[in-house]
Amino acid sequence: MSMTVLTLTLSAALAAPAEDPPGDAVKAEMKKMEGAWAFEKLVPNGEEPRPEGELKQMRLVVRDNTRTVMQGGEVRNKATYTIDPKASPKTIDVEILDGPLKGRTLYGIYTLDGDTFTMCLSLDGKVRPTKLEAAKGNVYQVFKRAKDEKK
């Protein structure tokens, strides 16, 4: 390789805009998810939405890569999650550690818009939903950042 070609190659590489490492976008998005979330809507398997009285007792608590669903102060399930905020739609994979679906991974999509967090997870653990909607085979959830709890 000639010195000119090498110099041009290095110049082009140095001039290329630096992209954020993929981990930076994930970390920033996970930071936005942290805290306590009140359940606004929960529709399992395309059935009737859970009653408002039941939802008022429920919280989703997100810390680092762990999600815990609480009901009446007790843990209903615990899971870890991974996300891809650059995908379209954004994706989330939830690995259930404790609770009725223990050992399963639920593939989903989500939006995070200010104090509203919406998610749709596939219950079959095979096919990722393509729309944020209540449908058979999915669990559809809408959360609002809990005003009565600190992060």
Protein backbone atom coordinates (compact mmCIF):
# COMPACT_ATOMS: atom_id res chain seq x y z
CA MET A 1 0.00 0.00 0.00
CA SER A 2 1.41 3.36 -0.96
CA MET A 3 1.90 6.11 1.57
CA THR A 4 -0.70 8.25 -0.26
CA VAL A 5 -3.39 5.55 -0.09
CA LEU A 6 -2.62 4.91 3.58
CA THR A 7 -2.77 8.64 4.37
CA LEU A 8 -6.11 9.02 2.53
CA THR A 9 -7.56 5.95 4.28
CA LEU A 10 -6.53 7.22 7.71
CA SER A 11 -7.81 10.72 6.93
CA ALA A 12 -11.20 9.36 5.86
CA ALA A 13 -11.45 7.22 8.99
CA LEU A 14 -10.57 10.13 11.25
CA ALA A 15 -12.97 12.48 9.45
CA ALA A 16 -15.93 10.08 9.75
CA PRO A 17 -18.42 11.25 12.38
CA ALA A 18 -18.17 9.33 15.63
CA GLU A 19 -21.32 7.44 16.54
CA ASP A 20 -22.41 6.87 20.10
CA PRO A 21 -21.47 3.39 21.17
CA PRO A 22 -24.67 1.28 21.22
CA GLY A 23 -24.36 0.91 24.97
CA ASP A 24 -24.71 4.68 25.51
CA ALA A 25 -28.17 4.81 23.94
CA VAL A 26 -29.27 1.78 25.96
CA LYS A 27 -27.93 3.22 29.22
CA ALA A 28 -29.63 6.57 28.58
CA GLU A 29 -32.98 4.90 27.84
CA MET A 30 -32.72 2.60 30.87
CA LYS A 31 -32.02 5.65 33.04
CA LYS A 32 -35.30 7.19 31.79
CA MET A 33 -37.13 3.97 32.75
CA GLU A 34 -35.87 3.92 36.33
CA GLY A 35 -38.30 4.58 39.13
CA ALA A 36 -41.81 3.65 40.14
CA TRP A 37 -44.61 3.44 37.58
CA ALA A 38 -48.34 3.30 38.28
CA PHE A 39 -50.41 0.92 36.16
CA GLU A 40 -52.86 2.87 33.98
CA LYS A 41 -53.95 -0.07 31.85
CA LEU A 42 -53.32 -3.81 31.88
CA VAL A 43 -54.90 -6.03 29.24
CA PRO A 44 -53.77 -9.67 29.39
CA ASN A 45 -54.23 -11.89 26.32
CA GLY A 46 -56.72 -9.57 24.60
CA GLU A 47 -59.21 -10.02 27.47
CA GLU A 48 -61.01 -7.35 29.45
CA PRO A 49 -58.72 -4.71 30.99
CA ARG A 50 -57.98 -5.23 34.68
CA PRO A 51 -60.29 -3.19 36.94
CA GLU A 52 -59.14 0.25 38.03
CA GLY A 53 -59.32 -0.75 41.72
CA GLU A 54 -56.84 -3.57 41.13
CA LEU A 55 -54.53 -1.33 39.10
CA LYS A 56 -54.37 1.29 41.86
CA GLN A 57 -52.67 -1.29 44.09
CA MET A 58 -50.02 -2.15 41.48
CA ARG A 59 -46.62 -0.62 40.74
CA LEU A 60 -43.82 -1.42 38.33
CA VAL A 61 -40.47 -0.60 39.91
CA VAL A 62 -37.48 -0.37 37.57
CA ARG A 63 -33.90 -0.31 38.88
CA ASP A 64 -30.95 -0.81 36.54
CA ASN A 65 -31.95 -3.83 34.41
CA THR A 66 -34.45 -5.24 36.93
CA ARG A 67 -38.23 -4.84 36.86
CA THR A 68 -40.41 -5.73 39.82
CA VAL A 69 -44.21 -5.77 39.76
CA MET A 70 -45.66 -5.00 43.18
CA GLN A 71 -49.27 -5.39 44.26
CA GLY A 72 -50.41 -4.20 47.65
CA GLY A 73 -46.79 -3.97 48.78
CA GLU A 74 -45.98 -7.58 47.82
CA VAL A 75 -43.81 -8.76 44.93
CA ARG A 76 -45.91 -10.37 42.17
CA ASN A 77 -43.01 -10.99 39.82
CA LYS A 78 -39.44 -10.03 39.23
CA ALA A 79 -37.60 -9.93 35.92
CA THR A 80 -34.56 -8.60 34.14
CA TYR A 81 -34.83 -6.86 30.81
CA THR A 82 -32.82 -5.79 27.80
CA ILE A 83 -33.81 -3.12 25.31
CA ASP A 84 -32.93 -1.83 21.88
CA PRO A 85 -34.00 1.83 21.77
CA LYS A 86 -32.65 2.25 18.22
CA ALA A 87 -34.92 -0.45 16.76
CA SER A 88 -38.17 0.62 15.11
CA PRO A 89 -40.33 -0.02 17.01
CA LYS A 90 -38.17 -0.05 20.14
CA THR A 91 -37.77 -3.58 21.52
CA ILE A 92 -37.72 -5.03 25.02
CA ASP A 93 -37.01 -8.60 26.13
CA VAL A 94 -38.16 -9.50 29.64
CA GLU A 95 -36.71 -12.58 31.35
CA ILE A 96 -39.01 -13.62 34.21
CA LEU A 97 -37.07 -14.59 37.35
CA ASP A 98 -39.95 -15.11 39.76
CA GLY A 99 -43.72 -15.43 39.59
CA PRO A 100 -46.19 -17.40 37.47
CA LEU A 101 -44.15 -17.11 34.26
CA LYS A 102 -40.79 -17.89 35.88
CA GLY A 103 -38.14 -19.05 33.41
CA ARG A 104 -39.80 -17.54 30.33
CA THR A 105 -38.57 -14.70 28.16
CA LEU A 106 -41.25 -12.38 26.80
CA TYR A 107 -40.39 -10.42 23.66
CA GLY A 108 -41.99 -7.05 23.22
CA ILE A 109 -42.03 -3.51 21.96
CA TYR A 110 -42.40 -0.26 23.86
CA THR A 111 -42.60 3.51 23.78
CA LEU A 112 -41.32 5.87 26.44
CA ASP A 113 -42.74 9.36 26.14
CA GLY A 114 -42.03 11.57 29.14
CA ASP A 115 -44.05 10.18 32.04
CA THR A 116 -45.87 7.57 29.93
CA PHE A 117 -44.40 4.10 29.36
CA THR A 118 -46.35 1.76 27.06
CA MET A 119 -45.41 -1.85 26.41
CA CYS A 120 -46.75 -4.88 24.59
CA LEU A 121 -45.21 -8.29 25.36
CA SER A 122 -45.83 -11.60 23.61
CA LEU A 123 -47.01 -14.28 26.02
CA ASP A 124 -45.86 -17.16 23.80
CA GLY A 125 -42.19 -16.20 24.08
CA LYS A 126 -41.64 -16.75 20.36
CA VAL A 127 -43.04 -13.91 18.27
CA ARG A 128 -42.48 -10.22 19.02
CA PRO A 129 -45.61 -8.04 18.67
CA THR A 130 -45.51 -5.50 15.86
CA LYS A 131 -48.10 -3.08 17.29
CA LEU A 132 -48.73 -1.58 20.70
CA GLU A 133 -52.23 -2.95 21.15
CA ALA A 134 -54.27 -5.29 23.28
CA ALA A 135 -54.51 -8.57 21.38
CA LYS A 136 -54.80 -12.29 22.01
CA GLY A 137 -51.39 -13.73 22.85
CA ASN A 138 -50.04 -10.42 24.19
CA VAL A 139 -50.09 -8.47 27.40
CA TYR A 140 -50.61 -4.75 26.85
CA GLN A 141 -49.54 -2.34 29.59
CA VAL A 142 -49.63 1.43 30.01
CA PHE A 143 -47.83 3.06 32.94
CA LYS A 144 -47.59 6.62 34.26
CA ARG A 145 -44.68 7.69 36.39
CA ALA A 146 -45.85 7.36 39.99
CA LYS A 147 -46.20 10.81 41.53
CA ASP A 148 -46.42 9.47 45.08
CA GLU A 149 -43.07 7.68 45.08
CA LYS A 150 -39.48 8.78 44.60
CA LYS A 151 -37.24 7.18 41.99
